[in-house]
């Protein structure tokens, strides 16, 4: 069972949280990583939970598209 890639987040599907894959598009993926505030290269298995996703993109709608 995977967990959230956001810093200081331990949410996972095992506690009922939805996880989102990082985009395959390199431009969108870069925006996600920058908003994640973590210096890493996401793997195909990297995910963000629904809580971190909302928290990090509430102010940045351009990252959805």
PDB file of N, CA and C in Angstrom:
ATOM      1  N   UNK A   1       0.844  -1.179   0.000  1.00  0.00           N
ATOM      2  CA  UNK A   1       0.000   0.000   0.000  1.00  0.00           C
ATOM      3  C   UNK A   1       0.886   1.236   0.000  1.00  0.00           C
ATOM      4  N   UNK A   2       0.681   2.128  -0.950  1.00  0.00           N
ATOM      5  CA  UNK A   2       1.481   3.343  -1.030  1.00  0.00           C
ATOM      6  C   UNK A   2       0.930   4.440  -0.152  1.00  0.00           C
ATOM      7  N   UNK A   3       1.740   5.460   0.037  1.00  0.00           N
ATOM      8  CA  UNK A   3       1.338   6.602   0.833  1.00  0.00           C
ATOM      9  C   UNK A   3       1.586   7.897   0.092  1.00  0.00           C
ATOM     10  N   UNK A   4       1.265   8.983   0.740  1.00  0.00           N
ATOM     11  CA  UNK A   4       1.395  10.308   0.162  1.00  0.00           C
ATOM     12  C   UNK A   4       2.867  10.728   0.105  1.00  0.00           C
ATOM     13  N   UNK A   5       3.248  11.397  -0.982  1.00  0.00           N
ATOM     14  CA  UNK A   5       4.625  11.870  -1.165  1.00  0.00           C
ATOM     15  C   UNK A   5       4.866  13.257  -0.586  1.00  0.00           C
ATOM     16  N   UNK A   6       3.831  13.919  -0.101  1.00  0.00           N
ATOM     17  CA  UNK A   6       3.988  15.261   0.459  1.00  0.00           C
ATOM     18  C   UNK A   6       4.772  15.198   1.772  1.00  0.00           C
ATOM     19  N   UNK A   7       5.584  16.227   2.039  1.00  0.00           N
ATOM     20  CA  UNK A   7       6.333  16.253   3.290  1.00  0.00           C
ATOM     21  C   UNK A   7       5.409  16.219   4.499  1.00  0.00           C
ATOM     22  N   UNK A   8       5.800  15.466   5.503  1.00  0.00           N
ATOM     23  CA  UNK A   8       5.075  15.362   6.780  1.00  0.00           C
ATOM     24  C   UNK A   8       3.647  14.841   6.640  1.00  0.00           C
ATOM     25  N   UNK A   9       3.393  14.063   5.618  1.00  0.00           N
ATOM     26  CA  UNK A   9       2.061  13.479   5.424  1.00  0.00           C
ATOM     27  C   UNK A   9       2.174  11.961   5.420  1.00  0.00           C
ATOM     28  N   UNK A  10       1.361  11.325   6.220  1.00  0.00           N
ATOM     29  CA  UNK A  10       1.391   9.861   6.291  1.00  0.00           C
ATOM     30  C   UNK A  10       0.073   9.246   5.827  1.00  0.00           C
ATOM     31  N   UNK A  11      -0.744  10.013   5.117  1.00  0.00           N
ATOM     32  CA  UNK A  11      -2.014   9.492   4.623  1.00  0.00           C
ATOM     33  C   UNK A  11      -1.786   8.408   3.570  1.00  0.00           C
ATOM     34  N   UNK A  12      -2.703   7.442   3.553  1.00  0.00           N
ATOM     35  CA  UNK A  12      -2.631   6.363   2.567  1.00  0.00           C
ATOM     36  C   UNK A  12      -4.034   5.826   2.322  1.00  0.00           C
ATOM     37  N   UNK A  13      -4.135   4.939   1.359  1.00  0.00           N
ATOM     38  CA  UNK A  13      -5.436   4.336   1.067  1.00  0.00           C
ATOM     39  C   UNK A  13      -5.890   3.430   2.206  1.00  0.00           C
ATOM     40  N   UNK A  14      -4.954   2.947   3.003  1.00  0.00           N
ATOM     41  CA  UNK A  14      -5.330   2.048   4.102  1.00  0.00           C
ATOM     42  C   UNK A  14      -6.136   2.766   5.183  1.00  0.00           C
ATOM     43  N   UNK A  15      -6.066   4.104   5.212  1.00  0.00           N
ATOM     44  CA  UNK A  15      -6.899   4.844   6.167  1.00  0.00           C
ATOM     45  C   UNK A  15      -8.022   5.590   5.444  1.00  0.00           C
ATOM     46  N   UNK A  16      -8.267   5.194   4.203  1.00  0.00           N
ATOM     47  CA  UNK A  16      -9.418   5.708   3.464  1.00  0.00           C
ATOM     48  C   UNK A  16      -9.187   6.987   2.676  1.00  0.00           C
ATOM     49  N   UNK A  17      -7.946   7.381   2.473  1.00  0.00           N
ATOM     50  CA  UNK A  17      -7.665   8.592   1.701  1.00  0.00           C
ATOM     51  C   UNK A  17      -7.419   8.237   0.238  1.00  0.00           C
ATOM     52  N   UNK A  18      -7.899   9.087  -0.647  1.00  0.00           N
ATOM     53  CA  UNK A  18      -7.684   8.892  -2.079  1.00  0.00           C
ATOM     54  C   UNK A  18      -6.313   9.432  -2.453  1.00  0.00           C
ATOM     55  N   UNK A  19      -5.593   8.712  -3.320  1.00  0.00           N
ATOM     56  CA  UNK A  19      -4.272   9.141  -3.769  1.00  0.00           C
ATOM     57  C   UNK A  19      -4.310   9.441  -5.261  1.00  0.00           C
ATOM     58  N   UNK A  20      -3.590  10.503  -5.667  1.00  0.00           N
ATOM     59  CA  UNK A  20      -3.543  10.941  -7.059  1.00  0.00           C
ATOM     60  C   UNK A  20      -2.139  10.736  -7.616  1.00  0.00           C
ATOM     61  N   UNK A  21      -2.045  10.238  -8.846  1.00  0.00           N
ATOM     62  CA  UNK A  21      -0.757  10.089  -9.522  1.00  0.00           C
ATOM     63  C   UNK A  21      -0.252  11.442  -9.989  1.00  0.00           C
ATOM     64  N   UNK A  22       1.065  11.572 -10.059  1.00  0.00           N
ATOM     65  CA  UNK A  22       1.657  12.767 -10.656  1.00  0.00           C
ATOM     66  C   UNK A  22       1.402  12.713 -12.160  1.00  0.00           C
ATOM     67  N   UNK A  23       1.182  13.868 -12.797  1.00  0.00           N
ATOM     68  CA  UNK A  23       0.927  13.885 -14.242  1.00  0.00           C
ATOM     69  C   UNK A  23       2.116  13.347 -15.042  1.00  0.00           C
ATOM     70  N   UNK A  24       1.823  12.777 -16.193  1.00  0.00           N
ATOM     71  CA  UNK A  24       2.888  12.319 -17.089  1.00  0.00           C
ATOM     72  C   UNK A  24       3.474  13.475 -17.886  1.00  0.00           C
ATOM     73  N   UNK A  25       2.666  14.496 -18.143  1.00  0.00           N
ATOM     74  CA  UNK A  25       3.132  15.665 -18.872  1.00  0.00           C
ATOM     75  C   UNK A  25       4.238  16.353 -18.061  1.00  0.00           C
ATOM     76  N   UNK A  26       5.442  16.523 -18.641  1.00  0.00           N
ATOM     77  CA  UNK A  26       6.579  17.064 -17.890  1.00  0.00           C
ATOM     78  C   UNK A  26       6.351  18.460 -17.309  1.00  0.00           C
ATOM     79  N   UNK A  27       5.627  19.319 -18.019  1.00  0.00           N
ATOM     80  CA  UNK A  27       5.380  20.681 -17.527  1.00  0.00           C
ATOM     81  C   UNK A  27       4.474  20.635 -16.301  1.00  0.00           C
ATOM     82  N   UNK A  28       3.393  19.883 -16.386  1.00  0.00           N
ATOM     83  CA  UNK A  28       2.474  19.759 -15.251  1.00  0.00           C
ATOM     84  C   UNK A  28       3.141  19.053 -14.082  1.00  0.00           C
ATOM     85  N   UNK A  29       3.924  18.012 -14.376  1.00  0.00           N
ATOM     86  CA  UNK A  29       4.601  17.283 -13.310  1.00  0.00           C
ATOM     87  C   UNK A  29       5.549  18.216 -12.546  1.00  0.00           C
ATOM     88  N   UNK A  30       6.271  19.065 -13.275  1.00  0.00           N
ATOM     89  CA  UNK A  30       7.197  20.005 -12.644  1.00  0.00           C
ATOM     90  C   UNK A  30       6.453  20.958 -11.707  1.00  0.00           C
ATOM     91  N   UNK A  31       5.275  21.439 -12.131  1.00  0.00           N
ATOM     92  CA  UNK A  31       4.470  22.315 -11.285  1.00  0.00           C
ATOM     93  C   UNK A  31       4.040  21.592 -10.009  1.00  0.00           C
ATOM     94  N   UNK A  32       3.635  20.340 -10.148  1.00  0.00           N
ATOM     95  CA  UNK A  32       3.228  19.559  -8.979  1.00  0.00           C
ATOM     96  C   UNK A  32       4.391  19.412  -8.001  1.00  0.00           C
ATOM     97  N   UNK A  33       5.569  19.083  -8.530  1.00  0.00           N
ATOM     98  CA  UNK A  33       6.742  18.898  -7.663  1.00  0.00           C
ATOM     99  C   UNK A  33       7.087  20.208  -6.965  1.00  0.00           C
ATOM    100  N   UNK A  34       7.043  21.327  -7.691  1.00  0.00           N
ATOM    101  CA  UNK A  34       7.339  22.626  -7.078  1.00  0.00           C
ATOM    102  C   UNK A  34       6.330  22.942  -5.980  1.00  0.00           C
ATOM    103  N   UNK A  35       5.059  22.699  -6.222  1.00  0.00           N
ATOM    104  CA  UNK A  35       4.026  22.959  -5.212  1.00  0.00           C
ATOM    105  C   UNK A  35       4.087  21.977  -4.057  1.00  0.00           C
ATOM    106  N   UNK A  36       4.675  20.853  -4.299  1.00  0.00           N
ATOM    107  CA  UNK A  36       4.832  19.853  -3.244  1.00  0.00           C
ATOM    108  C   UNK A  36       5.885  20.300  -2.221  1.00  0.00           C
ATOM    109  N   UNK A  37       6.727  21.241  -2.633  1.00  0.00           N
ATOM    110  CA  UNK A  37       7.791  21.780  -1.783  1.00  0.00           C
ATOM    111  C   UNK A  37       8.724  20.686  -1.278  1.00  0.00           C
ATOM    112  N   UNK A  38       9.098  19.851  -2.212  1.00  0.00           N
ATOM    113  CA  UNK A  38       9.997  18.752  -1.902  1.00  0.00           C
ATOM    114  C   UNK A  38      10.901  18.541  -3.107  1.00  0.00           C
ATOM    115  N   UNK A  39      12.184  18.392  -2.877  1.00  0.00           N
ATOM    116  CA  UNK A  39      13.141  18.212  -3.961  1.00  0.00           C
ATOM    117  C   UNK A  39      13.271  16.717  -4.263  1.00  0.00           C
ATOM    118  N   UNK A  40      12.485  16.249  -5.223  1.00  0.00           N
ATOM    119  CA  UNK A  40      12.540  14.839  -5.603  1.00  0.00           C
ATOM    120  C   UNK A  40      11.997  14.656  -7.009  1.00  0.00           C
ATOM    121  N   UNK A  41      12.318  13.529  -7.596  1.00  0.00           N
ATOM    122  CA  UNK A  41      11.789  13.162  -8.915  1.00  0.00           C
ATOM    123  C   UNK A  41      10.743  12.076  -8.686  1.00  0.00           C
ATOM    124  N   UNK A  42       9.466  12.376  -8.923  1.00  0.00           N
ATOM    125  CA  UNK A  42       8.432  11.376  -8.693  1.00  0.00           C
ATOM    126  C   UNK A  42       8.598  10.166  -9.604  1.00  0.00           C
ATOM    127  N   UNK A  43       8.370   9.014  -9.048  1.00  0.00           N
ATOM    128  CA  UNK A  43       8.387   7.771  -9.811  1.00  0.00           C
ATOM    129  C   UNK A  43       6.964   7.492 -10.294  1.00  0.00           C
ATOM    130  N   UNK A  44       6.766   6.480 -11.113  1.00  0.00           N
ATOM    131  CA  UNK A  44       5.394   6.128 -11.508  1.00  0.00           C
ATOM    132  C   UNK A  44       4.529   5.702 -10.312  1.00  0.00           C
ATOM    133  N   UNK A  45       5.163   5.426  -9.182  1.00  0.00           N
ATOM    134  CA  UNK A  45       4.426   4.994  -7.988  1.00  0.00           C
ATOM    135  C   UNK A  45       4.180   6.137  -7.009  1.00  0.00           C
ATOM    136  N   UNK A  46       4.708   7.325  -7.268  1.00  0.00           N
ATOM    137  CA  UNK A  46       4.532   8.472  -6.372  1.00  0.00           C
ATOM    138  C   UNK A  46       3.094   8.972  -6.443  1.00  0.00           C
ATOM    139  N   UNK A  47       2.567   9.373  -5.284  1.00  0.00           N
ATOM    140  CA  UNK A  47       1.183   9.837  -5.194  1.00  0.00           C
ATOM    141  C   UNK A  47       1.076  10.999  -4.206  1.00  0.00           C
ATOM    142  N   UNK A  48       0.016  11.789  -4.362  1.00  0.00           N
ATOM    143  CA  UNK A  48      -0.376  12.796  -3.378  1.00  0.00           C
ATOM    144  C   UNK A  48      -1.766  12.440  -2.891  1.00  0.00           C
ATOM    145  N   UNK A  49      -1.990  12.565  -1.591  1.00  0.00           N
ATOM    146  CA  UNK A  49      -3.317  12.246  -1.044  1.00  0.00           C
ATOM    147  C   UNK A  49      -4.274  13.413  -1.296  1.00  0.00           C
ATOM    148  N   UNK A  50      -5.542  13.151  -1.116  1.00  0.00           N
ATOM    149  CA  UNK A  50      -6.571  14.154  -1.359  1.00  0.00           C
ATOM    150  C   UNK A  50      -6.400  15.373  -0.461  1.00  0.00           C
ATOM    151  N   UNK A  51      -5.912  15.201   0.752  1.00  0.00           N
ATOM    152  CA  UNK A  51      -5.731  16.311   1.685  1.00  0.00           C
ATOM    153  C   UNK A  51      -4.583  17.208   1.214  1.00  0.00           C
ATOM    154  N   UNK A  52      -3.447  16.609   0.905  1.00  0.00           N
ATOM    155  CA  UNK A  52      -2.288  17.383   0.443  1.00  0.00           C
ATOM    156  C   UNK A  52      -2.573  18.034  -0.895  1.00  0.00           C
ATOM    157  N   UNK A  53      -3.283  17.355  -1.763  1.00  0.00           N
ATOM    158  CA  UNK A  53      -3.630  17.873  -3.085  1.00  0.00           C
ATOM    159  C   UNK A  53      -4.440  19.159  -2.942  1.00  0.00           C
ATOM    160  N   UNK A  54      -5.450  19.129  -2.109  1.00  0.00           N
ATOM    161  CA  UNK A  54      -6.301  20.316  -1.915  1.00  0.00           C
ATOM    162  C   UNK A  54      -5.524  21.443  -1.247  1.00  0.00           C
ATOM    163  N   UNK A  55      -4.756  21.097  -0.224  1.00  0.00           N
ATOM    164  CA  UNK A  55      -4.017  22.100   0.546  1.00  0.00           C
ATOM    165  C   UNK A  55      -3.008  22.820  -0.340  1.00  0.00           C
ATOM    166  N   UNK A  56      -2.314  22.090  -1.195  1.00  0.00           N
ATOM    167  CA  UNK A  56      -1.237  22.671  -1.986  1.00  0.00           C
ATOM    168  C   UNK A  56      -1.735  23.384  -3.240  1.00  0.00           C
ATOM    169  N   UNK A  57      -2.931  23.059  -3.717  1.00  0.00           N
ATOM    170  CA  UNK A  57      -3.416  23.677  -4.950  1.00  0.00           C
ATOM    171  C   UNK A  57      -4.633  24.566  -4.760  1.00  0.00           C
ATOM    172  N   UNK A  58      -4.986  24.839  -3.543  1.00  0.00           N
ATOM    173  CA  UNK A  58      -6.135  25.706  -3.299  1.00  0.00           C
ATOM    174  C   UNK A  58      -5.901  27.101  -3.876  1.00  0.00           C
ATOM    175  N   UNK A  59      -4.619  27.526  -3.914  1.00  0.00           N
ATOM    176  CA  UNK A  59      -4.282  28.859  -4.404  1.00  0.00           C
ATOM    177  C   UNK A  59      -3.708  28.824  -5.818  1.00  0.00           C
ATOM    178  N   UNK A  60      -3.601  27.661  -6.418  1.00  0.00           N
ATOM    179  CA  UNK A  60      -2.885  27.568  -7.701  1.00  0.00           C
ATOM    180  C   UNK A  60      -3.679  26.751  -8.714  1.00  0.00           C
ATOM    181  N   UNK A  61      -4.740  27.316  -9.233  1.00  0.00           N
ATOM    182  CA  UNK A  61      -5.594  26.596 -10.179  1.00  0.00           C
ATOM    183  C   UNK A  61      -4.883  26.274 -11.484  1.00  0.00           C
ATOM    184  N   UNK A  62      -3.821  27.013 -11.831  1.00  0.00           N
ATOM    185  CA  UNK A  62      -3.115  26.756 -13.089  1.00  0.00           C
ATOM    186  C   UNK A  62      -2.482  25.367 -13.097  1.00  0.00           C
ATOM    187  N   UNK A  63      -2.285  24.773 -11.944  1.00  0.00           N
ATOM    188  CA  UNK A  63      -1.629  23.466 -11.867  1.00  0.00           C
ATOM    189  C   UNK A  63      -2.561  22.323 -12.253  1.00  0.00           C
ATOM    190  N   UNK A  64      -3.850  22.581 -12.288  1.00  0.00           N
ATOM    191  CA  UNK A  64      -4.790  21.527 -12.650  1.00  0.00           C
ATOM    192  C   UNK A  64      -4.790  21.272 -14.148  1.00  0.00           C
ATOM    193  N   UNK A  65      -4.459  22.272 -14.931  1.00  0.00           N
ATOM    194  CA  UNK A  65      -4.616  22.177 -16.385  1.00  0.00           C
ATOM    195  C   UNK A  65      -3.294  22.105 -17.102  1.00  0.00           C
TER     196      UNK A  65
END
